[in-house]
Amino acid sequence: SGAAAKTSTTTDHNPAIKDSSPAQASMAAEGRNSFTESQARS
């Protein structure tokens, strides 16, 4: 039960993009960016 509890409370706090809506953030997340310049501009 301790192992199951640990597993269920562990979450990824840095998930990759999940939707196409741009969101305003206070700080950029560091990580490998797969957007092209054209996609970023769009």
All heavy atoms as atom14 arrays in JSON, in Angstrom:
{
  "sequence": "SGAAAKTSTTTDHNPAIKDSSPAQASMAAEGRNSFTESQARS",
  "atom14_mask": [
    [1, 1, 1, 1, 1, 1, 0, 0, 0, 0, 0, 0, 0, 0],
    [1, 1, 1, 1, 0, 0, 0, 0, 0, 0, 0, 0, 0, 0],
    [1, 1, 1, 1, 1, 0, 0, 0, 0, 0, 0, 0, 0, 0],
    [1, 1, 1, 1, 1, 0, 0, 0, 0, 0, 0, 0, 0, 0],
    [1, 1, 1, 1, 1, 0, 0, 0, 0, 0, 0, 0, 0, 0],
    [1, 1, 1, 1, 1, 1, 1, 1, 1, 0, 0, 0, 0, 0],
    [1, 1, 1, 1, 1, 1, 1, 0, 0, 0, 0, 0, 0, 0],
    [1, 1, 1, 1, 1, 1, 0, 0, 0, 0, 0, 0, 0, 0],
    [1, 1, 1, 1, 1, 1, 1, 0, 0, 0, 0, 0, 0, 0],
    [1, 1, 1, 1, 1, 1, 1, 0, 0, 0, 0, 0, 0, 0],
    [1, 1, 1, 1, 1, 1, 1, 0, 0, 0, 0, 0, 0, 0],
    [1, 1, 1, 1, 1, 1, 1, 1, 0, 0, 0, 0, 0, 0],
    [1, 1, 1, 1, 1, 1, 1, 1, 1, 1, 0, 0, 0, 0],
    [1, 1, 1, 1, 1, 1, 1, 1, 0, 0, 0, 0, 0, 0],
    [1, 1, 1, 1, 1, 1, 1, 0, 0, 0, 0, 0, 0, 0],
    [1, 1, 1, 1, 1, 0, 0, 0, 0, 0, 0, 0, 0, 0],
    [1, 1, 1, 1, 1, 1, 1, 1, 0, 0, 0, 0, 0, 0],
    [1, 1, 1, 1, 1, 1, 1, 1, 1, 0, 0, 0, 0, 0],
    [1, 1, 1, 1, 1, 1, 1, 1, 0, 0, 0, 0, 0, 0],
    [1, 1, 1, 1, 1, 1, 0, 0, 0, 0, 0, 0, 0, 0],
    [1, 1, 1, 1, 1, 1, 0, 0, 0, 0, 0, 0, 0, 0],
    [1, 1, 1, 1, 1, 1, 1, 0, 0, 0, 0, 0, 0, 0],
    [1, 1, 1, 1, 1, 0, 0, 0, 0, 0, 0, 0, 0, 0],
    [1, 1, 1, 1, 1, 1, 1, 1, 1, 0, 0, 0, 0, 0],
    [1, 1, 1, 1, 1, 0, 0, 0, 0, 0, 0, 0, 0, 0],
    [1, 1, 1, 1, 1, 1, 0, 0, 0, 0, 0, 0, 0, 0],
    [1, 1, 1, 1, 1, 1, 1, 1, 0, 0, 0, 0, 0, 0],
    [1, 1, 1, 1, 1, 0, 0, 0, 0, 0, 0, 0, 0, 0],
    [1, 1, 1, 1, 1, 0, 0, 0, 0, 0, 0, 0, 0, 0],
    [1, 1, 1, 1, 1, 1, 1, 1, 1, 0, 0, 0, 0, 0],
    [1, 1, 1, 1, 0, 0, 0, 0, 0, 0, 0, 0, 0, 0],
    [1, 1, 1, 1, 1, 1, 1, 1, 1, 1, 1, 0, 0, 0],
    [1, 1, 1, 1, 1, 1, 1, 1, 0, 0, 0, 0, 0, 0],
    [1, 1, 1, 1, 1, 1, 0, 0, 0, 0, 0, 0, 0, 0],
    [1, 1, 1, 1, 1, 1, 1, 1, 1, 1, 1, 0, 0, 0],
    [1, 1, 1, 1, 1, 1, 1, 0, 0, 0, 0, 0, 0, 0],
    [1, 1, 1, 1, 1, 1, 1, 1, 1, 0, 0, 0, 0, 0],
    [1, 1, 1, 1, 1, 1, 0, 0, 0, 0, 0, 0, 0, 0],
    [1, 1, 1, 1, 1, 1, 1, 1, 1, 0, 0, 0, 0, 0],
    [1, 1, 1, 1, 1, 0, 0, 0, 0, 0, 0, 0, 0, 0],
    [1, 1, 1, 1, 1, 1, 1, 1, 1, 1, 1, 0, 0, 0],
    [1, 1, 1, 1, 1, 1, 0, 0, 0, 0, 0, 0, 0, 0]
  ],
  "atom14_positions": [
    [[0.83, -1.2, 0.0], [0.0, 0.0, 0.0], [0.86, 1.25, 0.0], [0.51, 2.25, -0.6], [-0.96, 0.01, 1.19], [-0.24, 0.1, 2.41], [0.0, 0.0, 0.0], [0.0, 0.0, 0.0], [0.0, 0.0, 0.0], [0.0, 0.0, 0.0], [0.0, 0.0, 0.0], [0.0, 0.0, 0.0], [0.0, 0.0, 0.0], [0.0, 0.0, 0.0]],
    [[2.01, 1.21, 0.64], [2.93, 2.36, 0.62], [3.48, 2.6, -0.76], [3.6, 3.73, -1.23], [0.0, 0.0, 0.0], [0.0, 0.0, 0.0], [0.0, 0.0, 0.0], [0.0, 0.0, 0.0], [0.0, 0.0, 0.0], [0.0, 0.0, 0.0], [0.0, 0.0, 0.0], [0.0, 0.0, 0.0], [0.0, 0.0, 0.0], [0.0, 0.0, 0.0]],
    [[3.82, 1.53, -1.47], [4.33, 1.67, -2.84], [3.26, 2.21, -3.76], [3.52, 3.06, -4.6], [4.83, 0.32, -3.34], [0.0, 0.0, 0.0], [0.0, 0.0, 0.0], [0.0, 0.0, 0.0], [0.0, 0.0, 0.0], [0.0, 0.0, 0.0], [0.0, 0.0, 0.0], [0.0, 0.0, 0.0], [0.0, 0.0, 0.0], [0.0, 0.0, 0.0]],
    [[2.03, 1.73, -3.58], [0.93, 2.22, -4.42], [0.65, 3.69, -4.14], [0.41, 4.47, -5.05], [-0.33, 1.39, -4.17], [0.0, 0.0, 0.0], [0.0, 0.0, 0.0], [0.0, 0.0, 0.0], [0.0, 0.0, 0.0], [0.0, 0.0, 0.0], [0.0, 0.0, 0.0], [0.0, 0.0, 0.0], [0.0, 0.0, 0.0], [0.0, 0.0, 0.0]],
    [[0.71, 4.09, -2.88], [0.47, 5.49, -2.53], [1.54, 6.37, -3.12], [1.26, 7.44, -3.64], [0.41, 5.65, -1.01], [0.0, 0.0, 0.0], [0.0, 0.0, 0.0], [0.0, 0.0, 0.0], [0.0, 0.0, 0.0], [0.0, 0.0, 0.0], [0.0, 0.0, 0.0], [0.0, 0.0, 0.0], [0.0, 0.0, 0.0], [0.0, 0.0, 0.0]],
    [[2.77, 5.93, -3.08], [3.87, 6.71, -3.63], [3.7, 6.86, -5.13], [3.86, 7.93, -5.68], [5.21, 6.06, -3.31], [6.38, 6.86, -3.8], [7.68, 6.23, -3.37], [8.84, 7.07, -3.84], [10.11, 6.48, -3.5], [0.0, 0.0, 0.0], [0.0, 0.0, 0.0], [0.0, 0.0, 0.0], [0.0, 0.0, 0.0], [0.0, 0.0, 0.0]],
    [[3.35, 5.8, -5.81], [3.16, 5.84, -7.25], [2.02, 6.77, -7.64], [2.13, 7.54, -8.57], [2.87, 4.43, -7.78], [3.96, 3.58, -7.42], [2.71, 4.43, -9.28], [0.0, 0.0, 0.0], [0.0, 0.0, 0.0], [0.0, 0.0, 0.0], [0.0, 0.0, 0.0], [0.0, 0.0, 0.0], [0.0, 0.0, 0.0], [0.0, 0.0, 0.0]],
    [[0.93, 6.75, -6.9], [-0.23, 7.55, -7.28], [-0.04, 9.04, -6.99], [-0.71, 9.86, -7.58], [-1.48, 7.04, -6.55], [-1.35, 7.26, -5.17], [0.0, 0.0, 0.0], [0.0, 0.0, 0.0], [0.0, 0.0, 0.0], [0.0, 0.0, 0.0], [0.0, 0.0, 0.0], [0.0, 0.0, 0.0], [0.0, 0.0, 0.0], [0.0, 0.0, 0.0]],
    [[0.89, 9.4, -6.11], [1.09, 10.81, -5.82], [2.23, 11.41, -6.62], [2.43, 12.61, -6.61], [1.36, 11.03, -4.31], [2.52, 10.29, -3.95], [0.17, 10.61, -3.48], [0.0, 0.0, 0.0], [0.0, 0.0, 0.0], [0.0, 0.0, 0.0], [0.0, 0.0, 0.0], [0.0, 0.0, 0.0], [0.0, 0.0, 0.0], [0.0, 0.0, 0.0]],
    [[3.0, 10.58, -7.3], [4.1, 11.08, -8.11], [3.55, 11.55, -9.44], [2.9, 10.79, -10.14], [5.15, 9.98, -8.34], [5.59, 9.52, -7.07], [6.33, 10.5, -9.12], [0.0, 0.0, 0.0], [0.0, 0.0, 0.0], [0.0, 0.0, 0.0], [0.0, 0.0, 0.0], [0.0, 0.0, 0.0], [0.0, 0.0, 0.0], [0.0, 0.0, 0.0]],
    [[3.8, 12.82, -9.79], [3.34, 13.34, -11.07], [4.49, 14.01, -11.79], [5.48, 14.4, -11.19], [2.21, 14.38, -10.89], [2.71, 15.43, -10.06], [0.99, 13.75, -10.27], [0.0, 0.0, 0.0], [0.0, 0.0, 0.0], [0.0, 0.0, 0.0], [0.0, 0.0, 0.0], [0.0, 0.0, 0.0], [0.0, 0.0, 0.0], [0.0, 0.0, 0.0]],
    [[4.36, 14.15, -13.08], [5.35, 14.83, -13.89], [5.02, 16.31, -13.87], [4.02, 16.73, -14.44], [5.32, 14.27, -15.31], [6.41, 14.86, -16.18], [7.2, 15.69, -15.69], [6.47, 14.49, -17.36], [0.0, 0.0, 0.0], [0.0, 0.0, 0.0], [0.0, 0.0, 0.0], [0.0, 0.0, 0.0], [0.0, 0.0, 0.0], [0.0, 0.0, 0.0]],
    [[5.85, 17.11, -13.23], [5.6, 18.54, -13.13], [6.1, 19.3, -14.34], [6.05, 20.52, -14.36], [6.24, 19.1, -11.86], [5.62, 18.55, -10.61], [4.34, 18.85, -10.24], [6.08, 17.69, -9.69], [4.04, 18.24, -9.13], [5.08, 17.51, -8.77], [0.0, 0.0, 0.0], [0.0, 0.0, 0.0], [0.0, 0.0, 0.0], [0.0, 0.0, 0.0]],
    [[6.61, 18.59, -15.3], [7.16, 19.25, -16.46], [6.73, 18.52, -17.74], [7.56, 18.11, -18.52], [8.69, 19.27, -16.34], [9.3, 20.38, -17.12], [8.6, 21.28, -17.58], [10.59, 20.34, -17.3], [0.0, 0.0, 0.0], [0.0, 0.0, 0.0], [0.0, 0.0, 0.0], [0.0, 0.0, 0.0], [0.0, 0.0, 0.0], [0.0, 0.0, 0.0]],
    [[5.41, 18.37, -17.94], [4.95, 17.63, -19.11], [5.16, 18.42, -20.39], [5.22, 19.64, -20.38], [3.46, 17.43, -18.84], [3.1, 18.6, -18.01], [4.31, 18.87, -17.14], [0.0, 0.0, 0.0], [0.0, 0.0, 0.0], [0.0, 0.0, 0.0], [0.0, 0.0, 0.0], [0.0, 0.0, 0.0], [0.0, 0.0, 0.0], [0.0, 0.0, 0.0]],
    [[5.25, 17.7, -21.48], [5.35, 18.35, -22.78], [4.0, 18.96, -23.13], [3.01, 18.74, -22.46], [5.76, 17.34, -23.83], [0.0, 0.0, 0.0], [0.0, 0.0, 0.0], [0.0, 0.0, 0.0], [0.0, 0.0, 0.0], [0.0, 0.0, 0.0], [0.0, 0.0, 0.0], [0.0, 0.0, 0.0], [0.0, 0.0, 0.0], [0.0, 0.0, 0.0]],
    [[3.95, 19.71, -24.21], [2.74, 20.39, -24.64], [1.59, 19.39, -24.84], [1.79, 18.31, -25.34], [3.01, 21.18, -25.94], [1.8, 21.98, -26.34], [3.44, 20.28, -27.05], [2.07, 22.95, -27.45], [0.0, 0.0, 0.0], [0.0, 0.0, 0.0], [0.0, 0.0, 0.0], [0.0, 0.0, 0.0], [0.0, 0.0, 0.0], [0.0, 0.0, 0.0]],
    [[0.39, 19.77, -24.4], [-0.76, 18.88, -24.5], [-1.88, 19.45, -25.36], [-2.77, 18.74, -25.75], [-1.31, 18.58, -23.11], [-0.37, 17.73, -22.31], [-0.99, 17.3, -21.03], [-0.03, 16.41, -20.28], [-0.57, 15.85, -19.09], [0.0, 0.0, 0.0], [0.0, 0.0, 0.0], [0.0, 0.0, 0.0], [0.0, 0.0, 0.0], [0.0, 0.0, 0.0]],
    [[-1.87, 20.74, -25.63], [-2.92, 21.3, -26.48], [-2.33, 22.38, -27.36], [-1.19, 22.77, -27.22], [-4.11, 21.82, -25.66], [-3.75, 23.0, -24.78], [-2.94, 23.86, -25.19], [-4.29, 23.08, -23.67], [0.0, 0.0, 0.0], [0.0, 0.0, 0.0], [0.0, 0.0, 0.0], [0.0, 0.0, 0.0], [0.0, 0.0, 0.0], [0.0, 0.0, 0.0]],
    [[-3.14, 22.85, -28.28], [-2.64, 23.82, -29.24], [-2.85, 25.27, -28.83], [-2.49, 26.17, -29.55], [-3.29, 23.57, -30.6], [-4.69, 23.77, -30.47], [0.0, 0.0, 0.0], [0.0, 0.0, 0.0], [0.0, 0.0, 0.0], [0.0, 0.0, 0.0], [0.0, 0.0, 0.0], [0.0, 0.0, 0.0], [0.0, 0.0, 0.0], [0.0, 0.0, 0.0]],
    [[-3.43, 25.5, -27.66], [-3.69, 26.86, -27.21], [-2.46, 27.45, -26.52], [-1.96, 26.86, -25.57], [-4.85, 26.89, -26.21], [-5.98, 26.3, -26.77], [0.0, 0.0, 0.0], [0.0, 0.0, 0.0], [0.0, 0.0, 0.0], [0.0, 0.0, 0.0], [0.0, 0.0, 0.0], [0.0, 0.0, 0.0], [0.0, 0.0, 0.0], [0.0, 0.0, 0.0]],
    [[-1.96, 28.58, -27.0], [-0.81, 29.18, -26.32], [-1.22, 29.72, -24.95], [-2.26, 30.32, -24.81], [-0.37, 30.31, -27.25], [-1.51, 30.54, -28.17], [-2.37, 29.32, -28.16], [0.0, 0.0, 0.0], [0.0, 0.0, 0.0], [0.0, 0.0, 0.0], [0.0, 0.0, 0.0], [0.0, 0.0, 0.0], [0.0, 0.0, 0.0], [0.0, 0.0, 0.0]],
    [[-0.4, 29.48, -23.97], [-0.68, 29.96, -22.62], [0.38, 30.96, -22.23], [1.54, 30.85, -22.63], [-0.68, 28.79, -21.64], [0.0, 0.0, 0.0], [0.0, 0.0, 0.0], [0.0, 0.0, 0.0], [0.0, 0.0, 0.0], [0.0, 0.0, 0.0], [0.0, 0.0, 0.0], [0.0, 0.0, 0.0], [0.0, 0.0, 0.0], [0.0, 0.0, 0.0]],
    [[0.01, 31.96, -21.44], [0.95, 32.93, -20.93], [1.54, 32.35, -19.65], [0.82, 31.85, -18.8], [0.24, 34.26, -20.63], [1.17, 35.41, -20.33], [1.9, 35.92, -21.57], [1.37, 35.89, -22.67], [3.11, 36.38, -21.39], [0.0, 0.0, 0.0], [0.0, 0.0, 0.0], [0.0, 0.0, 0.0], [0.0, 0.0, 0.0], [0.0, 0.0, 0.0]],
    [[2.86, 32.39, -19.5], [3.52, 31.88, -18.31], [4.43, 32.96, -17.74], [4.86, 33.87, -18.46], [4.32, 30.63, -18.64], [0.0, 0.0, 0.0], [0.0, 0.0, 0.0], [0.0, 0.0, 0.0], [0.0, 0.0, 0.0], [0.0, 0.0, 0.0], [0.0, 0.0, 0.0], [0.0, 0.0, 0.0], [0.0, 0.0, 0.0], [0.0, 0.0, 0.0]],
    [[4.72, 32.88, -16.46], [5.6, 33.87, -15.84], [7.06, 33.56, -16.1], [7.91, 34.44, -16.07], [5.34, 33.95, -14.34], [5.58, 32.69, -13.75], [0.0, 0.0, 0.0], [0.0, 0.0, 0.0], [0.0, 0.0, 0.0], [0.0, 0.0, 0.0], [0.0, 0.0, 0.0], [0.0, 0.0, 0.0], [0.0, 0.0, 0.0], [0.0, 0.0, 0.0]],
    [[7.36, 32.29, -16.35], [8.74, 31.88, -16.58], [8.76, 30.74, -17.6], [7.93, 29.83, -17.53], [9.36, 31.41, -15.27], [10.83, 31.25, -15.3], [11.4, 31.03, -13.6], [12.36, 29.57, -13.83], [0.0, 0.0, 0.0], [0.0, 0.0, 0.0], [0.0, 0.0, 0.0], [0.0, 0.0, 0.0], [0.0, 0.0, 0.0], [0.0, 0.0, 0.0]],
    [[9.69, 30.79, -18.53], [9.79, 29.75, -19.55], [10.35, 28.47, -18.94], [11.26, 28.51, -18.13], [10.68, 30.22, -20.7], [0.0, 0.0, 0.0], [0.0, 0.0, 0.0], [0.0, 0.0, 0.0], [0.0, 0.0, 0.0], [0.0, 0.0, 0.0], [0.0, 0.0, 0.0], [0.0, 0.0, 0.0], [0.0, 0.0, 0.0], [0.0, 0.0, 0.0]],
    [[9.79, 27.34, -19.36], [10.3, 26.04, -18.92], [11.5, 25.68, -19.77], [11.47, 25.79, -21.0], [9.21, 24.98, -19.06], [0.0, 0.0, 0.0], [0.0, 0.0, 0.0], [0.0, 0.0, 0.0], [0.0, 0.0, 0.0], [0.0, 0.0, 0.0], [0.0, 0.0, 0.0], [0.0, 0.0, 0.0], [0.0, 0.0, 0.0], [0.0, 0.0, 0.0]],
    [[12.57, 25.26, -19.11], [13.75, 24.84, -19.84], [13.53, 23.43, -20.36], [12.95, 22.6, -19.68], [14.97, 24.85, -18.92], [15.33, 26.23, -18.43], [16.53, 26.21, -17.5], [17.2, 25.17, -17.38], [16.79, 27.24, -16.9], [0.0, 0.0, 0.0], [0.0, 0.0, 0.0], [0.0, 0.0, 0.0], [0.0, 0.0, 0.0], [0.0, 0.0, 0.0]],
    [[14.0, 23.16, -21.54], [13.89, 21.83, -22.11], [14.08, 21.85, -23.6], [14.05, 22.89, -24.24], [0.0, 0.0, 0.0], [0.0, 0.0, 0.0], [0.0, 0.0, 0.0], [0.0, 0.0, 0.0], [0.0, 0.0, 0.0], [0.0, 0.0, 0.0], [0.0, 0.0, 0.0], [0.0, 0.0, 0.0], [0.0, 0.0, 0.0], [0.0, 0.0, 0.0]],
    [[14.28, 20.69, -24.13], [14.51, 20.55, -25.57], [13.25, 20.97, -26.33], [12.19, 20.39, -26.15], [14.87, 19.11, -25.88], [15.28, 18.93, -27.28], [15.75, 17.52, -27.5], [16.02, 17.34, -28.91], [16.94, 16.55, -29.37], [17.67, 15.85, -28.55], [17.12, 16.44, -30.65], [0.0, 0.0, 0.0], [0.0, 0.0, 0.0], [0.0, 0.0, 0.0]],
    [[13.38, 21.96, -27.18], [12.25, 22.55, -27.9], [12.21, 21.99, -29.31], [13.16, 22.12, -30.07], [12.4, 24.07, -27.93], [11.14, 24.78, -28.31], [10.38, 24.32, -29.14], [10.91, 25.92, -27.7], [0.0, 0.0, 0.0], [0.0, 0.0, 0.0], [0.0, 0.0, 0.0], [0.0, 0.0, 0.0], [0.0, 0.0, 0.0], [0.0, 0.0, 0.0]],
    [[11.1, 21.36, -29.67], [10.98, 20.78, -31.0], [10.25, 21.69, -31.99], [10.09, 21.33, -33.14], [10.27, 19.43, -30.93], [8.97, 19.58, -30.43], [0.0, 0.0, 0.0], [0.0, 0.0, 0.0], [0.0, 0.0, 0.0], [0.0, 0.0, 0.0], [0.0, 0.0, 0.0], [0.0, 0.0, 0.0], [0.0, 0.0, 0.0], [0.0, 0.0, 0.0]],
    [[9.8, 22.87, -31.52], [9.17, 23.81, -32.44], [10.21, 24.34, -33.42], [11.33, 24.65, -33.04], [8.58, 25.02, -31.7], [7.35, 24.73, -30.89], [7.39, 24.79, -29.51], [6.15, 24.43, -31.51], [6.26, 24.54, -28.76], [5.01, 24.18, -30.77], [5.07, 24.24, -29.38], [0.0, 0.0, 0.0], [0.0, 0.0, 0.0], [0.0, 0.0, 0.0]],
    [[9.81, 24.49, -34.68], [10.66, 25.2, -35.63], [10.45, 26.69, -35.41], [9.5, 27.1, -34.73], [10.29, 24.84, -37.08], [8.96, 25.31, -37.34], [10.39, 23.34, -37.33], [0.0, 0.0, 0.0], [0.0, 0.0, 0.0], [0.0, 0.0, 0.0], [0.0, 0.0, 0.0], [0.0, 0.0, 0.0], [0.0, 0.0, 0.0], [0.0, 0.0, 0.0]],
    [[11.3, 27.52, -36.0], [11.11, 28.96, -35.86], [9.75, 29.38, -36.43], [9.04, 30.19, -35.84], [12.23, 29.74, -36.55], [12.06, 31.24, -36.4], [13.16, 32.06, -37.07], [14.07, 31.47, -37.68], [13.1, 33.3, -36.97], [0.0, 0.0, 0.0], [0.0, 0.0, 0.0], [0.0, 0.0, 0.0], [0.0, 0.0, 0.0], [0.0, 0.0, 0.0]],
    [[9.36, 28.79, -37.54], [8.08, 29.12, -38.16], [6.91, 28.73, -37.24], [5.94, 29.49, -37.11], [7.96, 28.39, -39.5], [6.71, 28.61, -40.08], [0.0, 0.0, 0.0], [0.0, 0.0, 0.0], [0.0, 0.0, 0.0], [0.0, 0.0, 0.0], [0.0, 0.0, 0.0], [0.0, 0.0, 0.0], [0.0, 0.0, 0.0], [0.0, 0.0, 0.0]],
    [[7.0, 27.58, -36.61], [5.94, 27.15, -35.69], [5.89, 28.07, -34.45], [4.82, 28.41, -33.97], [6.17, 25.7, -35.25], [5.92, 24.71, -36.35], [6.41, 23.32, -35.98], [7.4, 23.15, -35.27], [5.71, 22.31, -36.47], [0.0, 0.0, 0.0], [0.0, 0.0, 0.0], [0.0, 0.0, 0.0], [0.0, 0.0, 0.0], [0.0, 0.0, 0.0]],
    [[7.06, 28.46, -33.96], [7.12, 29.36, -32.81], [6.49, 30.71, -33.17], [5.69, 31.28, -32.41], [8.56, 29.55, -32.35], [0.0, 0.0, 0.0], [0.0, 0.0, 0.0], [0.0, 0.0, 0.0], [0.0, 0.0, 0.0], [0.0, 0.0, 0.0], [0.0, 0.0, 0.0], [0.0, 0.0, 0.0], [0.0, 0.0, 0.0], [0.0, 0.0, 0.0]],
    [[6.82, 31.22, -34.34], [6.25, 32.49, -34.81], [4.73, 32.39, -34.92], [4.0, 33.28, -34.49], [6.86, 32.85, -36.16], [6.39, 34.15, -36.78], [7.04, 34.4, -38.12], [8.48, 34.21, -38.13], [9.35, 35.07, -37.59], [8.91, 36.15, -37.01], [10.64, 34.82, -37.63], [0.0, 0.0, 0.0], [0.0, 0.0, 0.0], [0.0, 0.0, 0.0]],
    [[4.25, 31.29, -35.49], [2.81, 31.07, -35.63], [2.12, 31.02, -34.27], [1.04, 31.58, -34.08], [2.57, 29.77, -36.4], [1.21, 29.47, -36.47], [0.0, 0.0, 0.0], [0.0, 0.0, 0.0], [0.0, 0.0, 0.0], [0.0, 0.0, 0.0], [0.0, 0.0, 0.0], [0.0, 0.0, 0.0], [0.0, 0.0, 0.0], [0.0, 0.0, 0.0]]
  ]
}
